[in-house]
PDB file of all heavy atoms in Angstrom:
ATOM      1  N   ALA A   1       0.784  -1.194  -0.011  1.00  0.00           N
ATOM      2  CA  ALA A   1       0.021   0.021  -0.013  1.00  0.00           C
ATOM      3  C   ALA A   1       0.865   1.218  -0.046  1.00  0.00           C
ATOM      4  O   ALA A   1       0.745   2.103   0.890  1.00  0.00           O
ATOM      5  CB  ALA A   1      -0.953   0.002   1.190  1.00  0.00           C
ATOM      6  N   GLU A   2       1.758   1.306  -1.007  1.00  0.00           N
ATOM      7  CA  GLU A   2       2.737   2.384  -1.016  1.00  0.00           C
ATOM      8  C   GLU A   2       2.236   3.667  -1.693  1.00  0.00           C
ATOM      9  O   GLU A   2       2.478   3.984  -2.802  1.00  0.00           O
ATOM     10  CB  GLU A   2       4.048   1.878  -1.713  1.00  0.00           C
ATOM     11  CG  GLU A   2       4.766   0.767  -0.967  1.00  0.00           C
ATOM     12  CD  GLU A   2       5.282   1.210   0.434  1.00  0.00           C
ATOM     13  OE1 GLU A   2       5.237   2.403   0.704  1.00  0.00           O
ATOM     14  OE2 GLU A   2       5.756   0.300   1.162  1.00  0.00           O
ATOM     15  N   PHE A   3       1.497   4.375  -0.845  1.00  0.00           N
ATOM     16  CA  PHE A   3       0.986   5.725  -1.193  1.00  0.00           C
ATOM     17  C   PHE A   3       1.381   6.651  -0.098  1.00  0.00           C
ATOM     18  O   PHE A   3       1.257   6.318   1.074  1.00  0.00           O
ATOM     19  CB  PHE A   3      -0.529   5.728  -1.360  1.00  0.00           C
ATOM     20  CG  PHE A   3      -0.987   4.870  -2.542  1.00  0.00           C
ATOM     21  CD1 PHE A   3      -1.344   3.519  -2.370  1.00  0.00           C
ATOM     22  CD2 PHE A   3      -1.062   5.380  -3.834  1.00  0.00           C
ATOM     23  CE1 PHE A   3      -1.751   2.737  -3.443  1.00  0.00           C
ATOM     24  CE2 PHE A   3      -1.491   4.565  -4.886  1.00  0.00           C
ATOM     25  CZ  PHE A   3      -1.811   3.292  -4.677  1.00  0.00           C
ATOM     26  N   GLY A   4       1.754   7.830  -0.385  1.00  0.00           N
ATOM     27  CA  GLY A   4       2.216   8.795   0.564  1.00  0.00           C
ATOM     28  C   GLY A   4       1.123   9.267   1.559  1.00  0.00           C
ATOM     29  O   GLY A   4       0.050   9.590   1.070  1.00  0.00           O
ATOM     30  N   THR A   5       1.444   9.333   2.864  1.00  0.00           N
ATOM     31  CA  THR A   5       0.476   9.829   3.834  1.00  0.00           C
ATOM     32  C   THR A   5       0.083  11.310   3.593  1.00  0.00           C
ATOM     33  O   THR A   5      -0.997  11.681   3.770  1.00  0.00           O
ATOM     34  CB  THR A   5       1.088   9.695   5.247  1.00  0.00           C
ATOM     35  OG1 THR A   5       1.431   8.302   5.474  1.00  0.00           O
ATOM     36  CG2 THR A   5       0.079  10.072   6.320  1.00  0.00           C
ATOM     37  N   THR A   6       1.036  12.126   3.172  1.00  0.00           N
ATOM     38  CA  THR A   6       0.830  13.555   3.073  1.00  0.00           C
ATOM     39  C   THR A   6       0.264  13.857   1.710  1.00  0.00           C
ATOM     40  O   THR A   6      -0.692  14.640   1.542  1.00  0.00           O
ATOM     41  CB  THR A   6       2.150  14.284   3.234  1.00  0.00           C
ATOM     42  OG1 THR A   6       2.652  14.036   4.558  1.00  0.00           O
ATOM     43  CG2 THR A   6       2.019  15.781   3.068  1.00  0.00           C
ATOM     44  N   THR A   7       0.815  13.220   0.636  1.00  0.00           N
ATOM     45  CA  THR A   7       0.423  13.655  -0.771  1.00  0.00           C
ATOM     46  C   THR A   7      -0.444  12.611  -1.448  1.00  0.00           C
ATOM     47  O   THR A   7      -1.121  12.997  -2.413  1.00  0.00           O
ATOM     48  CB  THR A   7       1.675  13.821  -1.605  1.00  0.00           C
ATOM     49  OG1 THR A   7       2.352  12.532  -1.725  1.00  0.00           O
ATOM     50  CG2 THR A   7       2.555  14.827  -1.017  1.00  0.00           C
ATOM     51  N   GLY A   8      -0.523  11.427  -0.998  1.00  0.00           N
ATOM     52  CA  GLY A   8      -1.209  10.376  -1.731  1.00  0.00           C
ATOM     53  C   GLY A   8      -0.525   9.845  -2.938  1.00  0.00           C
ATOM     54  O   GLY A   8      -1.004   8.951  -3.607  1.00  0.00           O
ATOM     55  N   ARG A   9       0.693  10.355  -3.211  1.00  0.00           N
ATOM     56  CA  ARG A   9       1.436   9.925  -4.336  1.00  0.00           C
ATOM     57  C   ARG A   9       1.884   8.508  -4.242  1.00  0.00           C
ATOM     58  O   ARG A   9       2.279   8.020  -3.231  1.00  0.00           O
ATOM     59  CB  ARG A   9       2.709  10.820  -4.571  1.00  0.00           C
ATOM     60  CG  ARG A   9       2.353  12.250  -5.000  1.00  0.00           C
ATOM     61  CD  ARG A   9       3.609  13.002  -5.283  1.00  0.00           C
ATOM     62  NE  ARG A   9       4.420  13.260  -4.086  1.00  0.00           N
ATOM     63  CZ  ARG A   9       5.567  13.891  -4.075  1.00  0.00           C
ATOM     64  NH1 ARG A   9       6.055  14.388  -5.175  1.00  0.00           N
ATOM     65  NH2 ARG A   9       6.237  14.069  -2.948  1.00  0.00           N
ATOM     66  N   LYS A  10       1.943   7.811  -5.420  1.00  0.00           N
ATOM     67  CA  LYS A  10       2.408   6.425  -5.492  1.00  0.00           C
ATOM     68  C   LYS A  10       3.944   6.433  -5.266  1.00  0.00           C
ATOM     69  O   LYS A  10       4.644   7.275  -5.854  1.00  0.00           O
ATOM     70  CB  LYS A  10       2.076   5.792  -6.803  1.00  0.00           C
ATOM     71  CG  LYS A  10       2.522   4.372  -6.953  1.00  0.00           C
ATOM     72  CD  LYS A  10       2.266   3.845  -8.361  1.00  0.00           C
ATOM     73  CE  LYS A  10       0.759   3.641  -8.625  1.00  0.00           C
ATOM     74  NZ  LYS A  10       0.544   2.914  -9.923  1.00  0.00           N
ATOM     75  N   ARG A  11       4.405   5.556  -4.399  1.00  0.00           N
ATOM     76  CA  ARG A  11       5.840   5.470  -4.174  1.00  0.00           C
ATOM     77  C   ARG A  11       6.467   4.530  -5.072  1.00  0.00           C
ATOM     78  O   ARG A  11       5.961   3.435  -5.449  1.00  0.00           O
ATOM     79  CB  ARG A  11       6.058   4.981  -2.704  1.00  0.00           C
ATOM     80  CG  ARG A  11       5.536   5.922  -1.616  1.00  0.00           C
ATOM     81  CD  ARG A  11       5.745   5.377  -0.234  1.00  0.00           C
ATOM     82  NE  ARG A  11       5.101   6.225   0.787  1.00  0.00           N
ATOM     83  CZ  ARG A  11       4.416   5.783   1.769  1.00  0.00           C
ATOM     84  NH1 ARG A  11       4.237   4.470   1.994  1.00  0.00           N
ATOM     85  NH2 ARG A  11       3.839   6.651   2.613  1.00  0.00           N
ATOM     86  N   ARG A  12       7.724   4.857  -5.505  1.00  0.00           N
ATOM     87  CA  ARG A  12       8.603   3.979  -6.319  1.00  0.00           C
ATOM     88  C   ARG A  12       9.092   2.907  -5.429  1.00  0.00           C
ATOM     89  O   ARG A  12       9.456   3.152  -4.304  1.00  0.00           O
ATOM     90  CB  ARG A  12       9.650   4.834  -6.949  1.00  0.00           C
ATOM     91  CG  ARG A  12       9.142   5.939  -7.848  1.00  0.00           C
ATOM     92  CD  ARG A  12      10.142   7.026  -8.071  1.00  0.00           C
ATOM     93  NE  ARG A  12      11.360   6.552  -8.737  1.00  0.00           N
ATOM     94  CZ  ARG A  12      12.457   7.279  -8.864  1.00  0.00           C
ATOM     95  NH1 ARG A  12      12.533   8.530  -8.282  1.00  0.00           N
ATOM     96  NH2 ARG A  12      13.536   6.843  -9.453  1.00  0.00           N
ATOM     97  N   CYS A  13       9.179   1.677  -5.953  1.00  0.00           N
ATOM     98  CA  CYS A  13       9.586   0.511  -5.084  1.00  0.00           C
ATOM     99  C   CYS A  13      10.708  -0.266  -5.707  1.00  0.00           C
ATOM    100  O   CYS A  13      10.858  -0.401  -6.897  1.00  0.00           O
ATOM    101  CB  CYS A  13       8.401  -0.452  -4.921  1.00  0.00           C
ATOM    102  SG  CYS A  13       6.984   0.387  -4.085  1.00  0.00           S
ATOM    103  N   GLY A  14      11.563  -0.851  -4.834  1.00  0.00           N
ATOM    104  CA  GLY A  14      12.655  -1.730  -5.291  1.00  0.00           C
ATOM    105  C   GLY A  14      13.195  -2.530  -4.124  1.00  0.00           C
ATOM    106  O   GLY A  14      12.680  -2.483  -3.022  1.00  0.00           O
ATOM    107  N   TRP A  15      14.237  -3.303  -4.434  1.00  0.00           N
ATOM    108  CA  TRP A  15      14.822  -4.209  -3.493  1.00  0.00           C
ATOM    109  C   TRP A  15      15.597  -3.370  -2.348  1.00  0.00           C
ATOM    110  O   TRP A  15      15.986  -2.157  -2.578  1.00  0.00           O
ATOM    111  CB  TRP A  15      15.818  -5.135  -4.127  1.00  0.00           C
ATOM    112  CG  TRP A  15      15.246  -6.116  -5.083  1.00  0.00           C
ATOM    113  CD1 TRP A  15      15.477  -6.217  -6.426  1.00  0.00           C
ATOM    114  CD2 TRP A  15      14.262  -7.183  -4.826  1.00  0.00           C
ATOM    115  NE1 TRP A  15      14.739  -7.240  -6.976  1.00  0.00           N
ATOM    116  CE2 TRP A  15      14.030  -7.820  -6.033  1.00  0.00           C
ATOM    117  CE3 TRP A  15      13.597  -7.572  -3.634  1.00  0.00           C
ATOM    118  CZ2 TRP A  15      13.142  -8.921  -6.053  1.00  0.00           C
ATOM    119  CZ3 TRP A  15      12.719  -8.652  -3.723  1.00  0.00           C
ATOM    120  CH2 TRP A  15      12.503  -9.301  -4.947  1.00  0.00           C
ATOM    121  N   LEU A  16      15.821  -4.011  -1.199  1.00  0.00           N
ATOM    122  CA  LEU A  16      16.556  -3.474  -0.214  1.00  0.00           C
ATOM    123  C   LEU A  16      17.988  -3.137  -0.679  1.00  0.00           C
ATOM    124  O   LEU A  16      18.647  -3.961  -1.298  1.00  0.00           O
ATOM    125  CB  LEU A  16      16.601  -4.413   1.064  1.00  0.00           C
ATOM    126  CG  LEU A  16      17.388  -3.876   2.247  1.00  0.00           C
ATOM    127  CD1 LEU A  16      16.744  -2.611   2.816  1.00  0.00           C
ATOM    128  CD2 LEU A  16      17.423  -4.984   3.331  1.00  0.00           C
ATOM    129  N   ASP A  17      18.452  -1.917  -0.398  1.00  0.00           N
ATOM    130  CA  ASP A  17      19.774  -1.450  -0.860  1.00  0.00           C
ATOM    131  C   ASP A  17      20.700  -1.288   0.261  1.00  0.00           C
ATOM    132  O   ASP A  17      20.556  -0.350   1.091  1.00  0.00           O
ATOM    133  CB  ASP A  17      19.581  -0.051  -1.592  1.00  0.00           C
ATOM    134  CG  ASP A  17      20.841   0.407  -2.307  1.00  0.00           C
ATOM    135  OD1 ASP A  17      21.922   0.103  -1.850  1.00  0.00           O
ATOM    136  OD2 ASP A  17      20.705   1.117  -3.322  1.00  0.00           O
ATOM    137  N   MET A  18      21.673  -2.168   0.438  1.00  0.00           N
ATOM    138  CA  MET A  18      22.626  -2.164   1.545  1.00  0.00           C
ATOM    139  C   MET A  18      23.745  -1.156   1.342  1.00  0.00           C
ATOM    140  O   MET A  18      24.412  -0.810   2.338  1.00  0.00           O
ATOM    141  CB  MET A  18      23.129  -3.554   1.874  1.00  0.00           C
ATOM    142  CG  MET A  18      22.108  -4.568   2.328  1.00  0.00           C
ATOM    143  SD  MET A  18      21.121  -3.935   3.706  1.00  0.00           S
ATOM    144  CE  MET A  18      22.410  -3.775   5.000  1.00  0.00           C
ATOM    145  N   VAL A  19      23.958  -0.665   0.116  1.00  0.00           N
ATOM    146  CA  VAL A  19      24.910   0.386  -0.102  1.00  0.00           C
ATOM    147  C   VAL A  19      24.340   1.711   0.655  1.00  0.00           C
ATOM    148  O   VAL A  19      25.076   2.350   1.357  1.00  0.00           O
ATOM    149  CB  VAL A  19      25.150   0.648  -1.529  1.00  0.00           C
ATOM    150  CG1 VAL A  19      26.182   1.789  -1.720  1.00  0.00           C
ATOM    151  CG2 VAL A  19      25.615  -0.593  -2.256  1.00  0.00           C
ATOM    152  N   VAL A  20      23.070   1.926   0.420  1.00  0.00           N
ATOM    153  CA  VAL A  20      22.386   3.042   1.104  1.00  0.00           C
ATOM    154  C   VAL A  20      22.469   2.827   2.610  1.00  0.00           C
ATOM    155  O   VAL A  20      22.787   3.801   3.395  1.00  0.00           O
ATOM    156  CB  VAL A  20      20.883   3.112   0.658  1.00  0.00           C
ATOM    157  CG1 VAL A  20      20.116   4.031   1.591  1.00  0.00           C
ATOM    158  CG2 VAL A  20      20.826   3.692  -0.762  1.00  0.00           C
ATOM    159  N   MET A  21      22.174   1.584   3.068  1.00  0.00           N
ATOM    160  CA  MET A  21      22.133   1.314   4.493  1.00  0.00           C
ATOM    161  C   MET A  21      23.494   1.480   5.188  1.00  0.00           C
ATOM    162  O   MET A  21      23.614   2.004   6.329  1.00  0.00           O
ATOM    163  CB  MET A  21      21.556  -0.072   4.785  1.00  0.00           C
ATOM    164  CG  MET A  21      20.032  -0.148   4.631  1.00  0.00           C
ATOM    165  SD  MET A  21      19.178   1.182   5.577  1.00  0.00           S
ATOM    166  CE  MET A  21      19.983   0.946   7.169  1.00  0.00           C
ATOM    167  N   ARG A  22      24.522   1.040   4.533  1.00  0.00           N
ATOM    168  CA  ARG A  22      25.905   1.170   5.130  1.00  0.00           C
ATOM    169  C   ARG A  22      26.255   2.670   5.167  1.00  0.00           C
ATOM    170  O   ARG A  22      26.822   3.117   6.256  1.00  0.00           O
ATOM    171  CB  ARG A  22      26.921   0.392   4.325  1.00  0.00           C
ATOM    172  CG  ARG A  22      26.774  -1.093   4.505  1.00  0.00           C
ATOM    173  CD  ARG A  22      28.060  -1.836   3.984  1.00  0.00           C
ATOM    174  NE  ARG A  22      28.120  -1.748   2.595  1.00  0.00           N
ATOM    175  CZ  ARG A  22      27.597  -2.641   1.673  1.00  0.00           C
ATOM    176  NH1 ARG A  22      26.895  -3.625   2.124  1.00  0.00           N
ATOM    177  NH2 ARG A  22      27.716  -2.433   0.377  1.00  0.00           N
ATOM    178  N   TYR A  23      25.976   3.459   4.161  1.00  0.00           N
ATOM    179  CA  TYR A  23      26.170   4.899   4.173  1.00  0.00           C
ATOM    180  C   TYR A  23      25.340   5.554   5.266  1.00  0.00           C
ATOM    181  O   TYR A  23      25.892   6.406   6.030  1.00  0.00           O
ATOM    182  CB  TYR A  23      25.832   5.408   2.824  1.00  0.00           C
ATOM    183  CG  TYR A  23      25.824   6.886   2.599  1.00  0.00           C
ATOM    184  CD1 TYR A  23      26.983   7.598   2.662  1.00  0.00           C
ATOM    185  CD2 TYR A  23      24.650   7.596   2.326  1.00  0.00           C
ATOM    186  CE1 TYR A  23      27.030   8.968   2.441  1.00  0.00           C
ATOM    187  CE2 TYR A  23      24.649   8.967   2.094  1.00  0.00           C
ATOM    188  CZ  TYR A  23      25.815   9.646   2.179  1.00  0.00           C
ATOM    189  OH  TYR A  23      25.901  10.979   1.959  1.00  0.00           O
ATOM    190  N   SER A  24      24.129   5.164   5.428  1.00  0.00           N
ATOM    191  CA  SER A  24      23.242   5.707   6.422  1.00  0.00           C
ATOM    192  C   SER A  24      23.759   5.414   7.817  1.00  0.00           C
ATOM    193  O   SER A  24      23.778   6.242   8.699  1.00  0.00           O
ATOM    194  CB  SER A  24      21.879   5.004   6.277  1.00  0.00           C
ATOM    195  OG  SER A  24      20.952   5.494   7.187  1.00  0.00           O
ATOM    196  N   HIS A  25      24.277   4.213   8.011  1.00  0.00           N
ATOM    197  CA  HIS A  25      24.822   3.834   9.345  1.00  0.00           C
ATOM    198  C   HIS A  25      26.125   4.550   9.667  1.00  0.00           C
ATOM    199  O   HIS A  25      26.371   5.015  10.843  1.00  0.00           O
ATOM    200  CB  HIS A  25      25.068   2.331   9.372  1.00  0.00           C
ATOM    201  CG  HIS A  25      25.729   1.842  10.639  1.00  0.00           C
ATOM    202  ND1 HIS A  25      25.199   2.155  11.939  1.00  0.00           N
ATOM    203  CD2 HIS A  25      26.792   1.064  10.899  1.00  0.00           C
ATOM    204  CE1 HIS A  25      25.955   1.600  12.839  1.00  0.00           C
ATOM    205  NE2 HIS A  25      26.923   0.926  12.288  1.00  0.00           N
ATOM    206  N   VAL A  26      26.994   4.845   8.624  1.00  0.00           N
ATOM    207  CA  VAL A  26      28.186   5.575   8.819  1.00  0.00           C
ATOM    208  C   VAL A  26      27.849   6.999   9.434  1.00  0.00           C
ATOM    209  O   VAL A  26      28.552   7.470  10.304  1.00  0.00           O
ATOM    210  CB  VAL A  26      28.988   5.741   7.495  1.00  0.00           C
ATOM    211  CG1 VAL A  26      29.936   6.856   7.587  1.00  0.00           C
ATOM    212  CG2 VAL A  26      29.651   4.409   7.169  1.00  0.00           C
ATOM    213  N   ILE A  27      26.794   7.643   8.945  1.00  0.00           N
ATOM    214  CA  ILE A  27      26.432   8.948   9.378  1.00  0.00           C
ATOM    215  C   ILE A  27      25.704   8.974  10.680  1.00  0.00           C
ATOM    216  O   ILE A  27      25.973   9.785  11.561  1.00  0.00           O
ATOM    217  CB  ILE A  27      25.591   9.618   8.230  1.00  0.00           C
ATOM    218  CG1 ILE A  27      26.521   9.830   6.990  1.00  0.00           C
ATOM    219  CG2 ILE A  27      24.988  10.947   8.755  1.00  0.00           C
ATOM    220  CD1 ILE A  27      25.740  10.218   5.740  1.00  0.00           C
ATOM    221  N   ASN A  28      24.810   7.985  10.916  1.00  0.00           N
ATOM    222  CA  ASN A  28      23.969   8.028  12.124  1.00  0.00           C
ATOM    223  C   ASN A  28      24.342   7.140  13.205  1.00  0.00           C
ATOM    224  O   ASN A  28      23.887   7.245  14.359  1.00  0.00           O
ATOM    225  CB  ASN A  28      22.456   7.804  11.699  1.00  0.00           C
ATOM    226  CG  ASN A  28      21.824   8.905  11.001  1.00  0.00           C
ATOM    227  OD1 ASN A  28      22.172  10.067  11.244  1.00  0.00           O
ATOM    228  ND2 ASN A  28      20.891   8.603  10.146  1.00  0.00           N
ATOM    229  N   ASP A  29      25.214   6.118  12.943  1.00  0.00           N
ATOM    230  CA  ASP A  29      25.659   5.188  13.950  1.00  0.00           C
ATOM    231  C   ASP A  29      24.528   4.556  14.735  1.00  0.00           C
ATOM    232  O   ASP A  29      24.358   4.815  15.898  1.00  0.00           O
ATOM    233  CB  ASP A  29      26.681   5.832  14.905  1.00  0.00           C
ATOM    234  CG  ASP A  29      27.473   4.832  15.731  1.00  0.00           C
ATOM    235  OD1 ASP A  29      27.480   3.672  15.317  1.00  0.00           O
ATOM    236  OD2 ASP A  29      27.994   5.233  16.767  1.00  0.00           O
ATOM    237  N   TYR A  30      23.770   3.753  14.036  1.00  0.00           N
ATOM    238  CA  TYR A  30      22.552   3.142  14.650  1.00  0.00           C
ATOM    239  C   TYR A  30      22.920   2.162  15.783  1.00  0.00           C
ATOM    240  O   TYR A  30      23.801   1.299  15.644  1.00  0.00           O
ATOM    241  CB  TYR A  30      21.667   2.423  13.664  1.00  0.00           C
ATOM    242  CG  TYR A  30      21.266   3.368  12.510  1.00  0.00           C
ATOM    243  CD1 TYR A  30      21.650   3.148  11.180  1.00  0.00           C
ATOM    244  CD2 TYR A  30      20.429   4.476  12.793  1.00  0.00           C
ATOM    245  CE1 TYR A  30      21.222   3.995  10.143  1.00  0.00           C
ATOM    246  CE2 TYR A  30      20.012   5.370  11.746  1.00  0.00           C
ATOM    247  CZ  TYR A  30      20.452   5.075  10.464  1.00  0.00           C
ATOM    248  OH  TYR A  30      20.060   5.982   9.436  1.00  0.00           O
ATOM    249  N   SER A  31      22.200   2.322  16.896  1.00  0.00           N
ATOM    250  CA  SER A  31      22.324   1.377  17.996  1.00  0.00           C
ATOM    251  C   SER A  31      21.713   0.060  17.595  1.00  0.00           C
ATOM    252  O   SER A  31      22.259  -0.988  17.956  1.00  0.00           O
ATOM    253  CB  SER A  31      21.697   1.895  19.282  1.00  0.00           C
ATOM    254  OG  SER A  31      22.118   3.216  19.536  1.00  0.00           O
ATOM    255  N   SER A  32      20.581   0.085  16.906  1.00  0.00           N
ATOM    256  CA  SER A  32      19.861  -1.061  16.483  1.00  0.00           C
ATOM    257  C   SER A  32      18.880  -0.624  15.373  1.00  0.00           C
ATOM    258  O   SER A  32      18.714   0.570  15.165  1.00  0.00           O
ATOM    259  CB  SER A  32      19.096  -1.806  17.557  1.00  0.00           C
ATOM    260  OG  SER A  32      18.153  -0.961  18.178  1.00  0.00           O
ATOM    261  N   ILE A  33      18.274  -1.606  14.757  1.00  0.00           N
ATOM    262  CA  ILE A  33      17.428  -1.378  13.572  1.00  0.00           C
ATOM    263  C   ILE A  33      16.029  -1.858  13.856  1.00  0.00           C
ATOM    264  O   ILE A  33      15.789  -2.890  14.469  1.00  0.00           O
ATOM    265  CB  ILE A  33      18.002  -2.111  12.361  1.00  0.00           C
ATOM    266  CG1 ILE A  33      19.324  -1.455  11.919  1.00  0.00           C
ATOM    267  CG2 ILE A  33      17.052  -2.162  11.183  1.00  0.00           C
ATOM    268  CD1 ILE A  33      19.256  -0.018  11.414  1.00  0.00           C
ATOM    269  N   ASN A  34      15.063  -1.135  13.310  1.00  0.00           N
ATOM    270  CA  ASN A  34      13.658  -1.624  13.210  1.00  0.00           C
ATOM    271  C   ASN A  34      13.433  -1.953  11.691  1.00  0.00           C
ATOM    272  O   ASN A  34      13.408  -1.052  10.897  1.00  0.00           O
ATOM    273  CB  ASN A  34      12.706  -0.567  13.696  1.00  0.00           C
ATOM    274  CG  ASN A  34      11.230  -0.924  13.426  1.00  0.00           C
ATOM    275  OD1 ASN A  34      10.355  -0.017  13.458  1.00  0.00           O
ATOM    276  ND2 ASN A  34      10.878  -2.136  13.250  1.00  0.00           N
ATOM    277  N   LEU A  35      13.307  -3.294  11.373  1.00  0.00           N
ATOM    278  CA  LEU A  35      13.025  -3.648   9.993  1.00  0.00           C
ATOM    279  C   LEU A  35      11.494  -3.775   9.846  1.00  0.00           C
ATOM    280  O   LEU A  35      10.884  -4.562  10.523  1.00  0.00           O
ATOM    281  CB  LEU A  35      13.715  -5.026   9.721  1.00  0.00           C
ATOM    282  CG  LEU A  35      13.770  -5.461   8.318  1.00  0.00           C
ATOM    283  CD1 LEU A  35      14.688  -4.548   7.452  1.00  0.00           C
ATOM    284  CD2 LEU A  35      14.190  -6.922   8.205  1.00  0.00           C
ATOM    285  N   THR A  36      10.938  -2.938   9.007  1.00  0.00           N
ATOM    286  CA  THR A  36       9.501  -2.847   8.913  1.00  0.00           C
ATOM    287  C   THR A  36       8.954  -3.553   7.628  1.00  0.00           C
ATOM    288  O   THR A  36       9.737  -3.793   6.698  1.00  0.00           O
ATOM    289  CB  THR A  36       8.991  -1.417   8.869  1.00  0.00           C
ATOM    290  OG1 THR A  36       9.476  -0.673   7.660  1.00  0.00           O
ATOM    291  CG2 THR A  36       9.539  -0.586  10.108  1.00  0.00           C
ATOM    292  N   LYS A  37       7.738  -3.843   7.626  1.00  0.00           N
ATOM    293  CA  LYS A  37       6.986  -4.326   6.484  1.00  0.00           C
ATOM    294  C   LYS A  37       7.575  -5.661   5.938  1.00  0.00           C
ATOM    295  O   LYS A  37       7.546  -5.898   4.680  1.00  0.00           O
ATOM    296  CB  LYS A  37       6.859  -3.301   5.398  1.00  0.00           C
ATOM    297  CG  LYS A  37       5.865  -2.190   5.677  1.00  0.00           C
ATOM    298  CD  LYS A  37       5.536  -1.354   4.448  1.00  0.00           C
ATOM    299  CE  LYS A  37       4.266  -0.554   4.631  1.00  0.00           C
ATOM    300  NZ  LYS A  37       3.921   0.184   3.470  1.00  0.00           N
ATOM    301  N   LEU A  38       8.162  -6.432   6.854  1.00  0.00           N
ATOM    302  CA  LEU A  38       8.672  -7.687   6.333  1.00  0.00           C
ATOM    303  C   LEU A  38       7.656  -8.596   5.711  1.00  0.00           C
ATOM    304  O   LEU A  38       7.893  -9.392   4.781  1.00  0.00           O
ATOM    305  CB  LEU A  38       9.360  -8.445   7.495  1.00  0.00           C
ATOM    306  CG  LEU A  38      10.150  -9.716   7.202  1.00  0.00           C
ATOM    307  CD1 LEU A  38      11.352  -9.386   6.286  1.00  0.00           C
ATOM    308  CD2 LEU A  38      10.617 -10.431   8.422  1.00  0.00           C
ATOM    309  N   ASP A  39       6.331  -8.437   6.178  1.00  0.00           N
ATOM    310  CA  ASP A  39       5.256  -9.325   5.708  1.00  0.00           C
ATOM    311  C   ASP A  39       4.976  -9.028   4.230  1.00  0.00           C
ATOM    312  O   ASP A  39       4.380  -9.884   3.526  1.00  0.00           O
ATOM    313  CB  ASP A  39       4.011  -9.058   6.557  1.00  0.00           C
ATOM    314  CG  ASP A  39       3.608  -7.545   6.538  1.00  0.00           C
ATOM    315  OD1 ASP A  39       4.460  -6.812   6.955  1.00  0.00           O
ATOM    316  OD2 ASP A  39       2.470  -7.277   6.205  1.00  0.00           O
ATOM    317  N   VAL A  40       5.299  -7.863   3.681  1.00  0.00           N
ATOM    318  CA  VAL A  40       5.101  -7.511   2.245  1.00  0.00           C
ATOM    319  C   VAL A  40       5.872  -8.484   1.345  1.00  0.00           C
ATOM    320  O   VAL A  40       5.446  -8.780   0.232  1.00  0.00           O
ATOM    321  CB  VAL A  40       5.479  -6.038   1.980  1.00  0.00           C
ATOM    322  CG1 VAL A  40       5.335  -5.728   0.519  1.00  0.00           C
ATOM    323  CG2 VAL A  40       4.594  -5.114   2.801  1.00  0.00           C
ATOM    324  N   LEU A  41       6.899  -9.124   1.850  1.00  0.00           N
ATOM    325  CA  LEU A  41       7.732 -10.081   1.106  1.00  0.00           C
ATOM    326  C   LEU A  41       7.170 -11.509   1.213  1.00  0.00           C
ATOM    327  O   LEU A  41       7.846 -12.387   0.563  1.00  0.00           O
ATOM    328  CB  LEU A  41       9.164  -9.982   1.551  1.00  0.00           C
ATOM    329  CG  LEU A  41       9.841  -8.607   1.628  1.00  0.00           C
ATOM    330  CD1 LEU A  41      11.242  -8.745   2.061  1.00  0.00           C
ATOM    331  CD2 LEU A  41       9.778  -7.903   0.251  1.00  0.00           C
ATOM    332  N   ASP A  42       6.139 -11.677   1.924  1.00  0.00           N
ATOM    333  CA  ASP A  42       5.653 -13.080   2.195  1.00  0.00           C
ATOM    334  C   ASP A  42       5.456 -13.970   1.109  1.00  0.00           C
ATOM    335  O   ASP A  42       5.864 -15.179   1.049  1.00  0.00           O
ATOM    336  CB  ASP A  42       4.325 -13.077   2.962  1.00  0.00           C
ATOM    337  CG  ASP A  42       4.404 -12.737   4.478  1.00  0.00           C
ATOM    338  OD1 ASP A  42       5.602 -12.650   4.948  1.00  0.00           O
ATOM    339  OD2 ASP A  42       3.404 -12.598   5.144  1.00  0.00           O
ATOM    340  N   LYS A  43       4.955 -13.514  -0.091  1.00  0.00           N
ATOM    341  CA  LYS A  43       4.582 -14.402  -1.215  1.00  0.00           C
ATOM    342  C   LYS A  43       5.665 -14.539  -2.227  1.00  0.00           C
ATOM    343  O   LYS A  43       5.479 -15.277  -3.218  1.00  0.00           O
ATOM    344  CB  LYS A  43       3.300 -13.886  -1.789  1.00  0.00           C
ATOM    345  CG  LYS A  43       2.077 -14.028  -0.906  1.00  0.00           C
ATOM    346  CD  LYS A  43       0.813 -13.549  -1.581  1.00  0.00           C
ATOM    347  CE  LYS A  43      -0.410 -13.646  -0.644  1.00  0.00           C
ATOM    348  NZ  LYS A  43      -1.670 -13.250  -1.305  1.00  0.00           N
ATOM    349  N   LEU A  44       6.778 -13.874  -2.037  1.00  0.00           N
ATOM    350  CA  LEU A  44       7.806 -13.908  -3.063  1.00  0.00           C
ATOM    351  C   LEU A  44       8.626 -15.177  -2.978  1.00  0.00           C
ATOM    352  O   LEU A  44       9.161 -15.546  -1.910  1.00  0.00           O
ATOM    353  CB  LEU A  44       8.726 -12.656  -2.951  1.00  0.00           C
ATOM    354  CG  LEU A  44       8.075 -11.289  -3.166  1.00  0.00           C
ATOM    355  CD1 LEU A  44       8.991 -10.192  -2.880  1.00  0.00           C
ATOM    356  CD2 LEU A  44       7.455 -11.171  -4.543  1.00  0.00           C
ATOM    357  N   PRO A  45       8.872 -15.868  -4.146  1.00  0.00           N
ATOM    358  CA  PRO A  45       9.645 -17.057  -4.118  1.00  0.00           C
ATOM    359  C   PRO A  45      11.140 -16.843  -3.824  1.00  0.00           C
ATOM    360  O   PRO A  45      11.801 -17.673  -3.278  1.00  0.00           O
ATOM    361  CB  PRO A  45       9.396 -17.711  -5.463  1.00  0.00           C
ATOM    362  CG  PRO A  45       8.989 -16.542  -6.360  1.00  0.00           C
ATOM    363  CD  PRO A  45       8.257 -15.628  -5.462  1.00  0.00           C
TER     364      PRO A  45
END
């Protein structure tokens, strides 16, 4: 259900990007992660 809360715009979608995530962690130094919407992947082989 990838539509924006504020604008209602359809969101562009793709696979998890760990290059983005490593860069993100370098800057913010996460203590831990909340991985959300794992259930959206339920039916994928």
